N, C-alpha and C. Protein backbone atom coordinates (compact mmCIF):
# COMPACT_ATOMS: atom_id res chain seq x y z
N MET A 1 168.91 257.36 161.91
CA MET A 1 168.73 258.81 163.01
C MET A 1 170.79 258.79 163.58
N GLU A 2 171.05 259.86 163.10
CA GLU A 2 172.03 260.53 162.74
C GLU A 2 172.22 261.93 164.11
N VAL A 3 172.41 262.14 164.86
CA VAL A 3 172.82 262.88 165.89
C VAL A 3 174.57 263.47 165.55
N TYR A 4 174.98 264.99 165.67
CA TYR A 4 176.27 265.43 165.80
C TYR A 4 176.70 265.93 166.89
N ASP A 5 177.35 266.01 167.52
CA ASP A 5 177.59 266.92 168.07
C ASP A 5 178.54 268.16 167.62
N GLN A 6 178.78 269.25 168.31
CA GLN A 6 179.11 270.16 168.92
C GLN A 6 180.05 270.89 167.31
N ASN A 7 180.99 269.59 167.27
CA ASN A 7 182.31 269.90 166.26
C ASN A 7 181.21 269.62 164.38
N GLY A 8 180.33 268.57 164.91
CA GLY A 8 179.18 267.88 163.69
C GLY A 8 179.80 267.00 163.10
N ASN A 9 181.02 266.12 164.25
CA ASN A 9 180.88 265.21 163.92
C ASN A 9 179.58 264.32 164.49
N ARG A 10 179.67 263.23 164.10
CA ARG A 10 178.62 262.30 163.91
C ARG A 10 178.80 261.42 165.48
N CYS A 11 178.30 261.68 166.51
CA CYS A 11 177.51 260.60 166.97
C CYS A 11 176.32 259.58 167.20
N TYR A 12 177.07 258.73 168.02
CA TYR A 12 175.92 257.32 167.79
C TYR A 12 175.69 256.83 169.34
N ASN A 13 175.90 257.76 170.59
CA ASN A 13 175.69 257.21 171.94
C ASN A 13 173.82 257.15 172.19
N ASN A 14 173.56 258.02 171.52
CA ASN A 14 171.78 257.47 171.61
C ASN A 14 171.14 256.74 170.70
N VAL A 15 171.57 256.32 169.78
CA VAL A 15 171.34 255.40 169.05
C VAL A 15 170.95 254.21 169.61
N PRO A 16 169.83 252.85 169.85
CA PRO A 16 169.81 252.08 170.42
C PRO A 16 170.01 250.92 168.92
N CYS A 17 170.01 249.58 169.61
CA CYS A 17 170.51 248.35 169.18
C CYS A 17 169.14 248.37 168.25
N PRO A 18 169.23 248.10 167.30
CA PRO A 18 168.00 247.59 165.80
C PRO A 18 168.43 246.08 166.33
N LYS A 19 166.57 246.10 166.05
CA LYS A 19 166.06 244.60 166.46
C LYS A 19 166.77 243.47 165.87
N THR A 20 166.80 241.92 166.27
CA THR A 20 167.52 241.65 165.60
C THR A 20 167.54 240.67 164.57
N TRP A 21 166.04 240.21 165.35
CA TRP A 21 165.23 238.67 164.33
C TRP A 21 166.37 237.59 164.84
N LEU A 22 166.57 237.39 166.06
CA LEU A 22 167.51 236.12 166.05
C LEU A 22 166.34 235.19 166.28
N ALA A 23 165.27 235.23 167.22
CA ALA A 23 164.41 233.98 168.15
C ALA A 23 163.17 234.17 166.87
N GLU A 24 162.98 234.64 166.19
CA GLU A 24 162.32 234.67 165.08
C GLU A 24 162.65 234.40 163.89
N SER A 25 164.45 234.61 163.40
CA SER A 25 164.91 233.76 162.31
C SER A 25 165.17 232.26 162.72
N ILE A 26 165.26 231.82 164.08
CA ILE A 26 165.60 230.21 164.70
C ILE A 26 164.41 229.57 164.28
N LEU A 27 163.15 230.23 164.48
CA LEU A 27 161.75 229.86 164.89
C LEU A 27 161.59 229.19 163.67
N SER A 28 161.53 230.76 162.15
CA SER A 28 161.15 230.06 161.07
C SER A 28 161.78 228.86 160.57
N THR A 29 163.27 228.81 160.79
CA THR A 29 164.53 227.79 160.64
C THR A 29 163.70 226.38 160.54
N ILE A 30 163.28 226.27 161.90
CA ILE A 30 162.37 225.01 162.32
C ILE A 30 161.23 224.80 162.28
N PHE A 31 160.37 226.03 161.84
CA PHE A 31 159.85 225.47 161.42
C PHE A 31 158.51 225.57 159.76
N CYS A 32 159.65 226.48 159.23
CA CYS A 32 159.38 226.80 158.17
C CYS A 32 159.66 226.47 156.50
N CYS A 33 160.71 227.13 156.98
CA CYS A 33 161.57 226.35 155.79
C CYS A 33 163.26 226.99 156.35
N LEU A 34 164.20 225.99 155.52
CA LEU A 34 165.06 226.01 156.00
C LEU A 34 166.29 226.72 155.85
N PRO A 35 166.63 226.80 154.34
CA PRO A 35 167.43 227.43 154.03
C PRO A 35 166.87 228.97 153.44
N PHE A 36 165.97 229.50 153.84
CA PHE A 36 165.61 231.20 153.73
C PHE A 36 166.07 231.57 155.53
N GLY A 37 165.48 230.09 156.19
CA GLY A 37 165.79 230.45 157.75
C GLY A 37 167.20 230.70 158.59
N ILE A 38 167.92 229.66 157.83
CA ILE A 38 168.90 229.75 158.17
C ILE A 38 170.31 231.43 157.64
N VAL A 39 169.65 231.79 156.28
CA VAL A 39 170.04 233.49 155.89
C VAL A 39 169.59 234.14 157.17
N GLY A 40 168.35 233.70 157.58
CA GLY A 40 168.02 234.72 158.16
C GLY A 40 168.54 234.61 159.94
N ILE A 41 169.22 234.20 159.85
CA ILE A 41 170.13 233.44 161.27
C ILE A 41 171.12 234.48 161.07
N VAL A 42 171.79 234.15 160.03
CA VAL A 42 172.90 234.40 159.94
C VAL A 42 172.79 236.49 159.95
N TYR A 43 171.67 236.65 159.16
CA TYR A 43 172.01 238.33 159.24
C TYR A 43 171.55 238.60 160.52
N ALA A 44 171.10 238.41 161.79
CA ALA A 44 170.20 238.38 162.65
C ALA A 44 171.32 238.43 163.32
N ALA A 45 172.49 237.42 163.18
CA ALA A 45 174.14 237.51 164.43
C ALA A 45 174.93 238.58 163.84
N GLN A 46 174.44 239.14 162.79
CA GLN A 46 175.44 240.22 162.24
C GLN A 46 174.91 241.45 162.80
N VAL A 47 173.84 241.25 163.40
CA VAL A 47 173.12 243.00 163.68
C VAL A 47 174.06 243.20 165.27
N SER A 48 174.05 242.61 166.05
CA SER A 48 174.39 242.55 167.84
C SER A 48 175.87 242.80 167.12
N SER A 49 176.61 242.49 166.28
CA SER A 49 178.22 241.90 166.72
C SER A 49 178.53 243.76 165.68
N ASN A 50 177.50 244.10 164.86
CA ASN A 50 177.78 245.16 163.98
C ASN A 50 177.64 246.51 165.23
N TYR A 51 176.39 246.11 166.07
CA TYR A 51 176.73 247.48 167.03
C TYR A 51 177.49 247.93 167.64
N HIS A 52 177.33 246.22 168.04
CA HIS A 52 179.06 246.60 169.43
C HIS A 52 179.91 247.13 168.99
N ALA A 53 180.24 246.90 167.39
CA ALA A 53 181.55 247.66 167.01
C ALA A 53 181.57 249.04 166.51
N GLY A 54 180.31 249.27 166.79
CA GLY A 54 180.22 251.08 166.43
C GLY A 54 179.29 250.75 165.33
N ARG A 55 179.68 250.31 164.40
CA ARG A 55 178.85 250.42 162.61
C ARG A 55 177.61 250.29 162.57
N TYR A 56 177.03 251.08 162.83
CA TYR A 56 175.65 251.44 163.27
C TYR A 56 174.47 251.04 161.83
N GLU A 57 175.34 251.44 160.94
CA GLU A 57 174.28 251.48 159.57
C GLU A 57 174.21 250.17 159.03
N GLU A 58 175.65 249.66 159.35
CA GLU A 58 175.82 247.63 158.84
C GLU A 58 174.35 246.76 159.80
N ALA A 59 174.75 247.76 161.37
CA ALA A 59 173.93 246.65 162.25
C ALA A 59 172.51 247.19 161.67
N GLU A 60 172.10 248.07 161.09
CA GLU A 60 170.48 248.88 160.37
C GLU A 60 170.44 247.99 159.34
N ARG A 61 171.26 247.74 158.85
CA ARG A 61 170.84 247.23 156.98
C ARG A 61 171.30 245.76 157.46
N ALA A 62 172.15 244.76 158.38
CA ALA A 62 171.62 243.76 158.98
C ALA A 62 170.90 242.98 159.13
N SER A 63 169.76 244.25 160.28
CA SER A 63 168.31 243.97 160.23
C SER A 63 167.19 244.20 160.01
N LYS A 64 167.79 244.82 158.43
CA LYS A 64 166.46 244.63 158.09
C LYS A 64 166.25 243.76 157.02
N ASN A 65 167.72 242.83 156.76
CA ASN A 65 167.76 241.96 155.98
C ASN A 65 166.97 240.76 156.47
N ALA A 66 168.10 240.65 157.90
CA ALA A 66 167.27 239.34 159.00
C ALA A 66 165.53 239.91 158.32
N GLY A 67 165.24 240.83 159.66
CA GLY A 67 163.42 240.67 158.76
C GLY A 67 163.28 240.60 157.45
N LYS A 68 163.99 240.64 156.69
CA LYS A 68 163.14 240.18 154.85
C LYS A 68 162.92 238.59 155.01
N TRP A 69 164.46 237.53 155.90
CA TRP A 69 164.76 236.78 155.03
C TRP A 69 164.10 235.93 155.76
N THR A 70 163.69 236.91 157.33
CA THR A 70 162.95 235.79 158.27
C THR A 70 161.19 235.84 157.30
N LYS A 71 161.43 236.58 156.70
CA LYS A 71 159.46 236.42 156.39
C LYS A 71 159.26 235.99 155.64
N ILE A 72 160.73 236.23 154.76
CA ILE A 72 160.38 235.20 153.27
C ILE A 72 160.17 233.43 153.40
N SER A 73 160.72 233.70 155.05
CA SER A 73 161.37 231.95 155.21
C SER A 73 159.56 231.16 155.37
N PHE A 74 159.35 232.08 156.53
CA PHE A 74 157.54 232.24 156.82
C PHE A 74 156.76 231.90 156.23
N PHE A 75 156.64 232.90 154.95
CA PHE A 75 155.76 232.50 153.78
C PHE A 75 156.25 231.80 153.12
N CYS A 76 157.24 231.21 152.52
CA CYS A 76 157.93 229.93 151.72
C CYS A 76 157.17 228.53 152.56
N GLY A 77 157.33 228.80 153.87
CA GLY A 77 156.88 227.66 155.29
C GLY A 77 155.35 227.39 154.71
N LEU A 78 154.55 228.63 154.94
CA LEU A 78 153.26 228.64 154.95
C LEU A 78 152.47 228.59 154.34
N ALA A 79 153.31 228.31 152.81
CA ALA A 79 152.79 228.62 151.67
C ALA A 79 152.75 226.89 151.18
N VAL A 80 153.76 226.13 151.45
CA VAL A 80 154.03 224.70 151.33
C VAL A 80 153.24 224.24 152.00
N TYR A 81 153.19 224.34 153.38
CA TYR A 81 151.66 223.73 154.43
C TYR A 81 150.59 223.56 153.85
N LEU A 82 150.34 224.52 153.22
CA LEU A 82 148.89 225.42 152.35
C LEU A 82 148.68 223.93 151.08
N ILE A 83 150.28 224.21 150.72
CA ILE A 83 150.03 223.38 149.66
C ILE A 83 150.11 221.78 149.61
N TYR A 84 150.32 221.35 150.86
CA TYR A 84 150.55 220.28 151.41
C TYR A 84 149.29 219.86 151.92
N ILE A 85 148.45 220.32 152.56
CA ILE A 85 147.35 220.58 153.12
C ILE A 85 146.34 220.35 151.81
N LEU A 86 146.57 221.13 150.55
CA LEU A 86 145.48 220.83 149.52
C LEU A 86 145.30 219.91 148.62
N ILE A 87 146.62 219.18 148.80
CA ILE A 87 146.97 217.69 148.34
C ILE A 87 146.61 216.60 148.56
N TYR A 88 146.33 216.54 149.86
CA TYR A 88 145.87 215.84 151.04
C TYR A 88 144.33 215.66 151.60
N ALA A 89 144.14 217.38 151.21
CA ALA A 89 142.20 216.82 150.57
C ALA A 89 142.08 216.87 149.04
N ILE A 90 142.66 217.06 148.37
CA ILE A 90 142.20 216.58 146.83
C ILE A 90 141.89 215.20 147.14
N ALA A 91 143.30 214.68 147.83
CA ALA A 91 143.63 212.69 147.99
C ALA A 91 142.58 212.50 148.35
N GLY A 92 142.09 212.34 149.66
CA GLY A 92 140.90 212.23 150.26
C GLY A 92 139.85 212.72 149.76
N VAL A 93 139.13 213.19 149.37
CA VAL A 93 137.91 213.70 148.33
C VAL A 93 138.05 212.41 146.70
N SER A 94 138.94 212.20 146.64
CA SER A 94 139.16 211.88 145.29
C SER A 94 139.48 210.05 145.84
N ILE A 95 139.87 209.67 146.96
CA ILE A 95 139.60 208.41 147.47
C ILE A 95 137.86 208.45 147.99
N LEU A 96 137.63 208.90 148.88
CA LEU A 96 136.20 208.73 148.98
C LEU A 96 135.37 209.00 147.89
N SER A 97 135.29 209.81 146.72
CA SER A 97 134.53 209.48 145.54
C SER A 97 135.11 207.96 145.16
N LEU A 98 135.96 207.50 145.14
CA LEU A 98 136.12 205.98 144.34
C LEU A 98 135.94 204.76 145.38
N ALA A 99 135.60 205.47 146.64
CA ALA A 99 135.26 204.39 147.81
C ALA A 99 133.76 204.45 147.10
N ALA A 100 132.82 205.15 146.57
CA ALA A 100 131.52 205.45 146.85
C ALA A 100 130.54 204.75 145.64
N LEU A 101 131.91 204.60 144.49
CA LEU A 101 131.81 204.06 143.12
C LEU A 101 131.54 202.64 143.43
N ASP A 102 132.59 202.00 144.21
CA ASP A 102 132.06 200.25 144.24
C ASP A 102 131.33 199.32 145.23
N TYR A 103 130.35 200.32 145.81
CA TYR A 103 129.13 200.72 146.68
C TYR A 103 128.15 200.63 145.53
């Protein structure tokens, strides 16, 4: 979102701070996927510092990257949990079938 003053110079007075994704990044780091979550935290920390320094395009870019890495972390963690559950389900069925053969 670009706003211009009377002289044609860019003004950022009315630009809201982009979403930081910090809370989501921390939660996805703890519960989902540590490496990708850390990348999300790094980008999330850059959002507010860039915004307050007046680098609004960089803040917007950092927000998009933080969201991307947080979502990647979440879905990778979800995939690992599903694979883990699937392996235990298969192991449980095979153990039950082996126990049934013993009788």
